[in-house]
């Protein structure tokens, strides 16, 4: 996990590091298949299910839910922090 501001602001982490209910914004997604599912930079995601013993995680992108292989989820960088909190308050 990398603090990108040095002041407790947004930080980058892998998608598979988010806990259940965690929200973040996709920062980088090298997987073509994941991008085709909608996991593109700038998109808000929410972790629906992340069990370490399972081979996939379940994430929400808007109204859709996707199973993403853990190996792929480790390659997707997400920004957690101020931006994600602002977006979640604006919708609810």
PDB file of N, CA and C in Angstrom:
ATOM      1  N   UNK A   1       0.838  -1.180   0.000  1.00  0.00           N
ATOM      2  CA  UNK A   1       0.000   0.000   0.000  1.00  0.00           C
ATOM      3  C   UNK A   1       0.882   1.243   0.000  1.00  0.00           C
ATOM      4  N   UNK A   2       0.576   2.172  -0.864  1.00  0.00           N
ATOM      5  CA  UNK A   2       1.398   3.347  -1.023  1.00  0.00           C
ATOM      6  C   UNK A   2       0.578   4.599  -0.781  1.00  0.00           C
ATOM      7  N   UNK A   3       1.010   5.438   0.169  1.00  0.00           N
ATOM      8  CA  UNK A   3       0.346   6.721   0.419  1.00  0.00           C
ATOM      9  C   UNK A   3       0.822   7.683  -0.657  1.00  0.00           C
ATOM     10  N   UNK A   4      -0.086   8.148  -1.524  1.00  0.00           N
ATOM     11  CA  UNK A   4       0.310   8.994  -2.638  1.00  0.00           C
ATOM     12  C   UNK A   4       0.396  10.468  -2.273  1.00  0.00           C
ATOM     13  N   UNK A   5      -0.065  10.837  -1.086  1.00  0.00           N
ATOM     14  CA  UNK A   5      -0.050  12.252  -0.720  1.00  0.00           C
ATOM     15  C   UNK A   5       0.905  12.559   0.420  1.00  0.00           C
ATOM     16  N   UNK A   6       1.211  11.567   1.239  1.00  0.00           N
ATOM     17  CA  UNK A   6       2.057  11.810   2.392  1.00  0.00           C
ATOM     18  C   UNK A   6       1.315  12.460   3.543  1.00  0.00           C
ATOM     19  N   UNK A   7       0.028  12.751   3.355  1.00  0.00           N
ATOM     20  CA  UNK A   7      -0.747  13.431   4.388  1.00  0.00           C
ATOM     21  C   UNK A   7      -2.029  12.674   4.718  1.00  0.00           C
ATOM     22  N   UNK A   8      -2.021  11.367   4.562  1.00  0.00           N
ATOM     23  CA  UNK A   8      -3.205  10.581   4.871  1.00  0.00           C
ATOM     24  C   UNK A   8      -4.279  10.665   3.809  1.00  0.00           C
ATOM     25  N   UNK A   9      -3.935  11.149   2.633  1.00  0.00           N
ATOM     26  CA  UNK A   9      -4.888  11.250   1.534  1.00  0.00           C
ATOM     27  C   UNK A   9      -5.033   9.913   0.834  1.00  0.00           C
ATOM     28  N   UNK A  10      -5.462   9.926  -0.426  1.00  0.00           N
ATOM     29  CA  UNK A  10      -5.650   8.679  -1.159  1.00  0.00           C
ATOM     30  C   UNK A  10      -4.350   7.882  -1.255  1.00  0.00           C
ATOM     31  N   UNK A  11      -4.480   6.568  -1.217  1.00  0.00           N
ATOM     32  CA  UNK A  11      -3.315   5.702  -1.387  1.00  0.00           C
ATOM     33  C   UNK A  11      -3.680   4.571  -2.328  1.00  0.00           C
ATOM     34  N   UNK A  12      -2.664   4.001  -2.971  1.00  0.00           N
ATOM     35  CA  UNK A  12      -2.867   2.934  -3.938  1.00  0.00           C
ATOM     36  C   UNK A  12      -2.636   1.574  -3.307  1.00  0.00           C
ATOM     37  N   UNK A  13      -3.443   0.615  -3.723  1.00  0.00           N
ATOM     38  CA  UNK A  13      -3.294  -0.763  -3.281  1.00  0.00           C
ATOM     39  C   UNK A  13      -3.853  -1.678  -4.364  1.00  0.00           C
ATOM     40  N   UNK A  14      -3.641  -2.965  -4.217  1.00  0.00           N
ATOM     41  CA  UNK A  14      -4.201  -3.919  -5.161  1.00  0.00           C
ATOM     42  C   UNK A  14      -5.675  -4.134  -4.841  1.00  0.00           C
ATOM     43  N   UNK A  15      -6.469  -4.440  -5.865  1.00  0.00           N
ATOM     44  CA  UNK A  15      -7.899  -4.666  -5.673  1.00  0.00           C
ATOM     45  C   UNK A  15      -8.160  -5.771  -4.657  1.00  0.00           C
ATOM     46  N   UNK A  16      -7.356  -6.828  -4.656  1.00  0.00           N
ATOM     47  CA  UNK A  16      -7.627  -7.944  -3.737  1.00  0.00           C
ATOM     48  C   UNK A  16      -7.290  -7.619  -2.288  1.00  0.00           C
ATOM     49  N   UNK A  17      -6.765  -6.416  -2.016  1.00  0.00           N
ATOM     50  CA  UNK A  17      -6.485  -6.012  -0.638  1.00  0.00           C
ATOM     51  C   UNK A  17      -7.689  -5.331   0.021  1.00  0.00           C
ATOM     52  N   UNK A  18      -8.712  -4.984  -0.757  1.00  0.00           N
ATOM     53  CA  UNK A  18      -9.892  -4.342  -0.172  1.00  0.00           C
ATOM     54  C   UNK A  18     -10.684  -5.339   0.666  1.00  0.00           C
ATOM     55  N   UNK A  19     -11.181  -4.886   1.785  1.00  0.00           N
ATOM     56  CA  UNK A  19     -12.042  -5.713   2.636  1.00  0.00           C
ATOM     57  C   UNK A  19     -13.468  -5.651   2.107  1.00  0.00           C
ATOM     58  N   UNK A  20     -14.295  -6.584   2.544  1.00  0.00           N
ATOM     59  CA  UNK A  20     -15.710  -6.563   2.173  1.00  0.00           C
ATOM     60  C   UNK A  20     -16.292  -5.188   2.487  1.00  0.00           C
ATOM     61  N   UNK A  21     -17.019  -4.618   1.538  1.00  0.00           N
ATOM     62  CA  UNK A  21     -17.625  -3.306   1.723  1.00  0.00           C
ATOM     63  C   UNK A  21     -16.709  -2.149   1.385  1.00  0.00           C
ATOM     64  N   UNK A  22     -15.428  -2.423   1.162  1.00  0.00           N
ATOM     65  CA  UNK A  22     -14.476  -1.368   0.838  1.00  0.00           C
ATOM     66  C   UNK A  22     -14.734  -0.779  -0.538  1.00  0.00           C
ATOM     67  N   UNK A  23     -14.550   0.526  -0.654  1.00  0.00           N
ATOM     68  CA  UNK A  23     -14.745   1.216  -1.918  1.00  0.00           C
ATOM     69  C   UNK A  23     -13.455   1.881  -2.345  1.00  0.00           C
ATOM     70  N   UNK A  24     -13.257   1.926  -3.662  1.00  0.00           N
ATOM     71  CA  UNK A  24     -12.047   2.533  -4.215  1.00  0.00           C
ATOM     72  C   UNK A  24     -12.297   2.906  -5.661  1.00  0.00           C
ATOM     73  N   UNK A  25     -11.346   3.621  -6.237  1.00  0.00           N
ATOM     74  CA  UNK A  25     -11.414   3.991  -7.645  1.00  0.00           C
ATOM     75  C   UNK A  25     -10.287   3.283  -8.383  1.00  0.00           C
ATOM     76  N   UNK A  26     -10.621   2.659  -9.506  1.00  0.00           N
ATOM     77  CA  UNK A  26      -9.602   1.962 -10.290  1.00  0.00           C
ATOM     78  C   UNK A  26      -8.597   2.982 -10.805  1.00  0.00           C
ATOM     79  N   UNK A  27      -7.317   2.690 -10.580  1.00  0.00           N
ATOM     80  CA  UNK A  27      -6.246   3.563 -11.023  1.00  0.00           C
ATOM     81  C   UNK A  27      -5.543   2.987 -12.250  1.00  0.00           C
ATOM     82  N   UNK A  28      -5.334   1.665 -12.257  1.00  0.00           N
ATOM     83  CA  UNK A  28      -4.682   1.000 -13.387  1.00  0.00           C
ATOM     84  C   UNK A  28      -5.188  -0.430 -13.480  1.00  0.00           C
ATOM     85  N   UNK A  29      -5.427  -0.873 -14.721  1.00  0.00           N
ATOM     86  CA  UNK A  29      -5.932  -2.229 -14.943  1.00  0.00           C
ATOM     87  C   UNK A  29      -5.269  -2.801 -16.190  1.00  0.00           C
ATOM     88  N   UNK A  30      -4.230  -3.624 -16.011  1.00  0.00           N
ATOM     89  CA  UNK A  30      -3.528  -4.175 -17.167  1.00  0.00           C
ATOM     90  C   UNK A  30      -4.271  -5.314 -17.870  1.00  0.00           C
ATOM     91  N   UNK A  31      -5.296  -5.875 -17.245  1.00  0.00           N
ATOM     92  CA  UNK A  31      -6.021  -7.004 -17.819  1.00  0.00           C
ATOM     93  C   UNK A  31      -7.074  -6.535 -18.827  1.00  0.00           C
ATOM     94  N   UNK A  32      -6.923  -6.941 -20.081  1.00  0.00           N
ATOM     95  CA  UNK A  32      -7.886  -6.562 -21.116  1.00  0.00           C
ATOM     96  C   UNK A  32      -9.280  -7.074 -20.771  1.00  0.00           C
ATOM     97  N   UNK A  33      -9.375  -8.317 -20.315  1.00  0.00           N
ATOM     98  CA  UNK A  33     -10.679  -8.896 -19.989  1.00  0.00           C
ATOM     99  C   UNK A  33     -11.365  -8.120 -18.854  1.00  0.00           C
ATOM    100  N   UNK A  34     -10.603  -7.743 -17.833  1.00  0.00           N
ATOM    101  CA  UNK A  34     -11.170  -6.972 -16.724  1.00  0.00           C
ATOM    102  C   UNK A  34     -11.624  -5.594 -17.205  1.00  0.00           C
ATOM    103  N   UNK A  35     -10.852  -4.975 -18.100  1.00  0.00           N
ATOM    104  CA  UNK A  35     -11.272  -3.672 -18.650  1.00  0.00           C
ATOM    105  C   UNK A  35     -12.560  -3.812 -19.447  1.00  0.00           C
ATOM    106  N   UNK A  36     -12.700  -4.926 -20.178  1.00  0.00           N
ATOM    107  CA  UNK A  36     -13.927  -5.154 -20.942  1.00  0.00           C
ATOM    108  C   UNK A  36     -15.136  -5.334 -20.024  1.00  0.00           C
ATOM    109  N   UNK A  37     -14.919  -5.803 -18.789  1.00  0.00           N
ATOM    110  CA  UNK A  37     -16.002  -5.943 -17.817  1.00  0.00           C
ATOM    111  C   UNK A  37     -16.380  -4.603 -17.204  1.00  0.00           C
ATOM    112  N   UNK A  38     -15.558  -3.583 -17.423  1.00  0.00           N
ATOM    113  CA  UNK A  38     -15.863  -2.266 -16.879  1.00  0.00           C
ATOM    114  C   UNK A  38     -14.899  -1.784 -15.822  1.00  0.00           C
ATOM    115  N   UNK A  39     -13.877  -2.573 -15.529  1.00  0.00           N
ATOM    116  CA  UNK A  39     -12.888  -2.163 -14.522  1.00  0.00           C
ATOM    117  C   UNK A  39     -11.823  -1.282 -15.186  1.00  0.00           C
ATOM    118  N   UNK A  40     -12.230  -0.099 -15.564  1.00  0.00           N
ATOM    119  CA  UNK A  40     -11.348   0.838 -16.252  1.00  0.00           C
ATOM    120  C   UNK A  40     -10.919   1.950 -15.299  1.00  0.00           C
ATOM    121  N   UNK A  41      -9.769   2.576 -15.558  1.00  0.00           N
ATOM    122  CA  UNK A  41      -9.321   3.670 -14.690  1.00  0.00           C
ATOM    123  C   UNK A  41     -10.400   4.742 -14.537  1.00  0.00           C
ATOM    124  N   UNK A  42     -10.614   5.164 -13.291  1.00  0.00           N
ATOM    125  CA  UNK A  42     -11.599   6.193 -12.970  1.00  0.00           C
ATOM    126  C   UNK A  42     -12.928   5.647 -12.490  1.00  0.00           C
ATOM    127  N   UNK A  43     -13.148   4.338 -12.635  1.00  0.00           N
ATOM    128  CA  UNK A  43     -14.410   3.718 -12.230  1.00  0.00           C
ATOM    129  C   UNK A  43     -14.383   3.409 -10.732  1.00  0.00           C
ATOM    130  N   UNK A  44     -15.499   3.676 -10.078  1.00  0.00           N
ATOM    131  CA  UNK A  44     -15.669   3.379  -8.658  1.00  0.00           C
ATOM    132  C   UNK A  44     -16.051   1.906  -8.503  1.00  0.00           C
ATOM    133  N   UNK A  45     -15.372   1.192  -7.599  1.00  0.00           N
ATOM    134  CA  UNK A  45     -15.686  -0.216  -7.344  1.00  0.00           C
ATOM    135  C   UNK A  45     -15.956  -0.415  -5.857  1.00  0.00           C
ATOM    136  N   UNK A  46     -16.720  -1.465  -5.562  1.00  0.00           N
ATOM    137  CA  UNK A  46     -16.985  -1.838  -4.169  1.00  0.00           C
ATOM    138  C   UNK A  46     -16.739  -3.332  -4.033  1.00  0.00           C
ATOM    139  N   UNK A  47     -15.976  -3.718  -3.009  1.00  0.00           N
ATOM    140  CA  UNK A  47     -15.695  -5.127  -2.771  1.00  0.00           C
ATOM    141  C   UNK A  47     -16.905  -5.765  -2.102  1.00  0.00           C
ATOM    142  N   UNK A  48     -17.482  -6.747  -2.751  1.00  0.00           N
ATOM    143  CA  UNK A  48     -18.653  -7.432  -2.218  1.00  0.00           C
ATOM    144  C   UNK A  48     -18.263  -8.686  -1.427  1.00  0.00           C
ATOM    145  N   UNK A  49     -17.231  -9.396  -1.888  1.00  0.00           N
ATOM    146  CA  UNK A  49     -16.820 -10.630  -1.207  1.00  0.00           C
ATOM    147  C   UNK A  49     -15.333 -10.849  -1.457  1.00  0.00           C
ATOM    148  N   UNK A  50     -14.585 -10.950  -0.366  1.00  0.00           N
ATOM    149  CA  UNK A  50     -13.157 -11.197  -0.456  1.00  0.00           C
ATOM    150  C   UNK A  50     -12.764 -12.175   0.645  1.00  0.00           C
ATOM    151  N   UNK A  51     -12.682 -13.435   0.282  1.00  0.00           N
ATOM    152  CA  UNK A  51     -12.284 -14.492   1.216  1.00  0.00           C
ATOM    153  C   UNK A  51     -10.940 -15.029   0.766  1.00  0.00           C
ATOM    154  N   UNK A  52      -9.938 -14.912   1.595  1.00  0.00           N
ATOM    155  CA  UNK A  52      -8.566 -15.301   1.229  1.00  0.00           C
ATOM    156  C   UNK A  52      -8.460 -16.734   0.720  1.00  0.00           C
ATOM    157  N   UNK A  53      -9.299 -17.630   1.197  1.00  0.00           N
ATOM    158  CA  UNK A  53      -9.194 -19.035   0.785  1.00  0.00           C
ATOM    159  C   UNK A  53      -9.847 -19.293  -0.581  1.00  0.00           C
ATOM    160  N   UNK A  54     -10.582 -18.310  -1.112  1.00  0.00           N
ATOM    161  CA  UNK A  54     -11.246 -18.466  -2.401  1.00  0.00           C
ATOM    162  C   UNK A  54     -10.367 -17.925  -3.522  1.00  0.00           C
ATOM    163  N   UNK A  55     -10.546 -18.464  -4.713  1.00  0.00           N
ATOM    164  CA  UNK A  55      -9.700 -18.108  -5.856  1.00  0.00           C
ATOM    165  C   UNK A  55     -10.181 -16.878  -6.613  1.00  0.00           C
ATOM    166  N   UNK A  56     -11.309 -16.298  -6.198  1.00  0.00           N
ATOM    167  CA  UNK A  56     -11.836 -15.113  -6.870  1.00  0.00           C
ATOM    168  C   UNK A  56     -12.445 -14.168  -5.836  1.00  0.00           C
ATOM    169  N   UNK A  57     -12.541 -12.898  -6.225  1.00  0.00           N
ATOM    170  CA  UNK A  57     -13.225 -11.898  -5.410  1.00  0.00           C
ATOM    171  C   UNK A  57     -14.464 -11.464  -6.198  1.00  0.00           C
ATOM    172  N   UNK A  58     -15.436 -10.900  -5.502  1.00  0.00           N
ATOM    173  CA  UNK A  58     -16.631 -10.382  -6.160  1.00  0.00           C
ATOM    174  C   UNK A  58     -16.646  -8.874  -5.944  1.00  0.00           C
ATOM    175  N   UNK A  59     -16.698  -8.129  -7.045  1.00  0.00           N
ATOM    176  CA  UNK A  59     -16.718  -6.673  -6.969  1.00  0.00           C
ATOM    177  C   UNK A  59     -17.955  -6.127  -7.664  1.00  0.00           C
ATOM    178  N   UNK A  60     -18.395  -4.969  -7.216  1.00  0.00           N
ATOM    179  CA  UNK A  60     -19.524  -4.276  -7.829  1.00  0.00           C
ATOM    180  C   UNK A  60     -18.999  -3.077  -8.604  1.00  0.00           C
ATOM    181  N   UNK A  61     -19.488  -2.935  -9.822  1.00  0.00           N
ATOM    182  CA  UNK A  61     -19.228  -1.767 -10.657  1.00  0.00           C
ATOM    183  C   UNK A  61     -20.598  -1.262 -11.075  1.00  0.00           C
ATOM    184  N   UNK A  62     -21.003  -0.138 -10.508  1.00  0.00           N
ATOM    185  CA  UNK A  62     -22.357   0.384 -10.686  1.00  0.00           C
ATOM    186  C   UNK A  62     -23.357  -0.700 -10.286  1.00  0.00           C
ATOM    187  N   UNK A  63     -24.263  -1.116 -11.159  1.00  0.00           N
ATOM    188  CA  UNK A  63     -25.276  -2.113 -10.800  1.00  0.00           C
ATOM    189  C   UNK A  63     -24.842  -3.545 -11.095  1.00  0.00           C
ATOM    190  N   UNK A  64     -23.659  -3.736 -11.655  1.00  0.00           N
ATOM    191  CA  UNK A  64     -23.188  -5.071 -12.036  1.00  0.00           C
ATOM    192  C   UNK A  64     -22.272  -5.661 -10.956  1.00  0.00           C
ATOM    193  N   UNK A  65     -22.244  -6.978 -10.906  1.00  0.00           N
ATOM    194  CA  UNK A  65     -21.344  -7.707  -9.994  1.00  0.00           C
ATOM    195  C   UNK A  65     -20.483  -8.622 -10.845  1.00  0.00           C
ATOM    196  N   UNK A  66     -19.186  -8.674 -10.531  1.00  0.00           N
ATOM    197  CA  UNK A  66     -18.256  -9.500 -11.287  1.00  0.00           C
ATOM    198  C   UNK A  66     -17.398 -10.340 -10.360  1.00  0.00           C
ATOM    199  N   UNK A  67     -17.143 -11.571 -10.777  1.00  0.00           N
ATOM    200  CA  UNK A  67     -16.128 -12.399 -10.111  1.00  0.00           C
ATOM    201  C   UNK A  67     -14.831 -12.137 -10.856  1.00  0.00           C
ATOM    202  N   UNK A  68     -13.793 -11.795 -10.111  1.00  0.00           N
ATOM    203  CA  UNK A  68     -12.486 -11.524 -10.698  1.00  0.00           C
ATOM    204  C   UNK A  68     -11.492 -12.475 -10.058  1.00  0.00           C
ATOM    205  N   UNK A  69     -10.763 -13.213 -10.871  1.00  0.00           N
ATOM    206  CA  UNK A  69      -9.750 -14.129 -10.345  1.00  0.00           C
ATOM    207  C   UNK A  69      -8.787 -13.359  -9.447  1.00  0.00           C
ATOM    208  N   UNK A  70      -8.418 -13.956  -8.341  1.00  0.00           N
ATOM    209  CA  UNK A  70      -7.516 -13.283  -7.396  1.00  0.00           C
ATOM    210  C   UNK A  70      -6.205 -12.881  -8.069  1.00  0.00           C
ATOM    211  N   UNK A  71      -5.702 -13.733  -8.961  1.00  0.00           N
ATOM    212  CA  UNK A  71      -4.445 -13.402  -9.657  1.00  0.00           C
ATOM    213  C   UNK A  71      -4.607 -12.128 -10.490  1.00  0.00           C
ATOM    214  N   UNK A  72      -5.768 -11.941 -11.092  1.00  0.00           N
ATOM    215  CA  UNK A  72      -6.035 -10.717 -11.860  1.00  0.00           C
ATOM    216  C   UNK A  72      -6.256  -9.546 -10.915  1.00  0.00           C
ATOM    217  N   UNK A  73      -7.011  -9.768  -9.833  1.00  0.00           N
ATOM    218  CA  UNK A  73      -7.285  -8.700  -8.862  1.00  0.00           C
ATOM    219  C   UNK A  73      -5.999  -8.134  -8.265  1.00  0.00           C
ATOM    220  N   UNK A  74      -4.962  -8.963  -8.159  1.00  0.00           N
ATOM    221  CA  UNK A  74      -3.674  -8.481  -7.633  1.00  0.00           C
ATOM    222  C   UNK A  74      -2.978  -7.530  -8.594  1.00  0.00           C
ATOM    223  N   UNK A  75      -3.351  -7.558  -9.871  1.00  0.00           N
ATOM    224  CA  UNK A  75      -2.703  -6.678 -10.851  1.00  0.00           C
ATOM    225  C   UNK A  75      -3.441  -5.359 -11.038  1.00  0.00           C
ATOM    226  N   UNK A  76      -4.650  -5.244 -10.474  1.00  0.00           N
ATOM    227  CA  UNK A  76      -5.466  -4.036 -10.629  1.00  0.00           C
ATOM    228  C   UNK A  76      -5.189  -3.104  -9.454  1.00  0.00           C
ATOM    229  N   UNK A  77      -4.690  -1.908  -9.760  1.00  0.00           N
ATOM    230  CA  UNK A  77      -4.416  -0.924  -8.712  1.00  0.00           C
ATOM    231  C   UNK A  77      -5.631  -0.037  -8.510  1.00  0.00           C
ATOM    232  N   UNK A  78      -5.962   0.202  -7.239  1.00  0.00           N
ATOM    233  CA  UNK A  78      -7.091   1.064  -6.894  1.00  0.00           C
ATOM    234  C   UNK A  78      -6.638   2.133  -5.915  1.00  0.00           C
ATOM    235  N   UNK A  79      -7.272   3.291  -5.999  1.00  0.00           N
ATOM    236  CA  UNK A  79      -7.003   4.401  -5.084  1.00  0.00           C
ATOM    237  C   UNK A  79      -8.065   4.386  -3.997  1.00  0.00           C
ATOM    238  N   UNK A  80      -7.613   4.313  -2.762  1.00  0.00           N
ATOM    239  CA  UNK A  80      -8.502   4.302  -1.605  1.00  0.00           C
ATOM    240  C   UNK A  80      -8.272   5.586  -0.833  1.00  0.00           C
ATOM    241  N   UNK A  81      -9.345   6.227  -0.418  1.00  0.00           N
ATOM    242  CA  UNK A  81      -9.161   7.443   0.374  1.00  0.00           C
ATOM    243  C   UNK A  81     -10.185   8.494   0.041  1.00  0.00           C
ATOM    244  N   UNK A  82      -9.755   9.742  -0.017  1.00  0.00           N
ATOM    245  CA  UNK A  82     -10.645  10.882  -0.154  1.00  0.00           C
ATOM    246  C   UNK A  82     -11.595  10.755  -1.327  1.00  0.00           C
ATOM    247  N   UNK A  83     -11.114  10.469  -2.503  1.00  0.00           N
ATOM    248  CA  UNK A  83     -11.947  10.403  -3.700  1.00  0.00           C
ATOM    249  C   UNK A  83     -13.042   9.351  -3.542  1.00  0.00           C
ATOM    250  N   UNK A  84     -12.679   8.168  -3.017  1.00  0.00           N
ATOM    251  CA  UNK A  84     -13.654   7.105  -2.852  1.00  0.00           C
ATOM    252  C   UNK A  84     -14.714   7.497  -1.838  1.00  0.00           C
ATOM    253  N   UNK A  85     -14.313   8.151  -0.742  1.00  0.00           N
ATOM    254  CA  UNK A  85     -15.285   8.554   0.274  1.00  0.00           C
ATOM    255  C   UNK A  85     -16.245   9.605  -0.270  1.00  0.00           C
ATOM    256  N   UNK A  86     -15.747  10.552  -1.033  1.00  0.00           N
ATOM    257  CA  UNK A  86     -16.600  11.604  -1.591  1.00  0.00           C
ATOM    258  C   UNK A  86     -17.631  10.969  -2.522  1.00  0.00           C
ATOM    259  N   UNK A  87     -17.219  10.037  -3.365  1.00  0.00           N
ATOM    260  CA  UNK A  87     -18.140   9.405  -4.308  1.00  0.00           C
ATOM    261  C   UNK A  87     -19.213   8.602  -3.571  1.00  0.00           C
ATOM    262  N   UNK A  88     -18.844   7.903  -2.499  1.00  0.00           N
ATOM    263  CA  UNK A  88     -19.825   7.090  -1.801  1.00  0.00           C
ATOM    264  C   UNK A  88     -20.843   7.950  -1.058  1.00  0.00           C
ATOM    265  N   UNK A  89     -20.442   9.122  -0.557  1.00  0.00           N
ATOM    266  CA  UNK A  89     -21.379  10.006   0.123  1.00  0.00           C
ATOM    267  C   UNK A  89     -22.320  10.684  -0.877  1.00  0.00           C
ATOM    268  N   UNK A  90     -21.847  10.924  -2.078  1.00  0.00           N
ATOM    269  CA  UNK A  90     -22.660  11.591  -3.083  1.00  0.00           C
ATOM    270  C   UNK A  90     -23.801  10.696  -3.550  1.00  0.00           C
ATOM    271  N   UNK A  91     -23.615   9.370  -3.492  1.00  0.00           N
ATOM    272  CA  UNK A  91     -24.640   8.461  -3.989  1.00  0.00           C
ATOM    273  C   UNK A  91     -25.586   8.009  -2.898  1.00  0.00           C
ATOM    274  N   UNK A  92     -25.266   8.197  -1.662  1.00  0.00           N
ATOM    275  CA  UNK A  92     -26.148   7.662  -0.634  1.00  0.00           C
ATOM    276  C   UNK A  92     -26.374   8.616   0.430  1.00  0.00           C
TER     277      UNK A  92
END
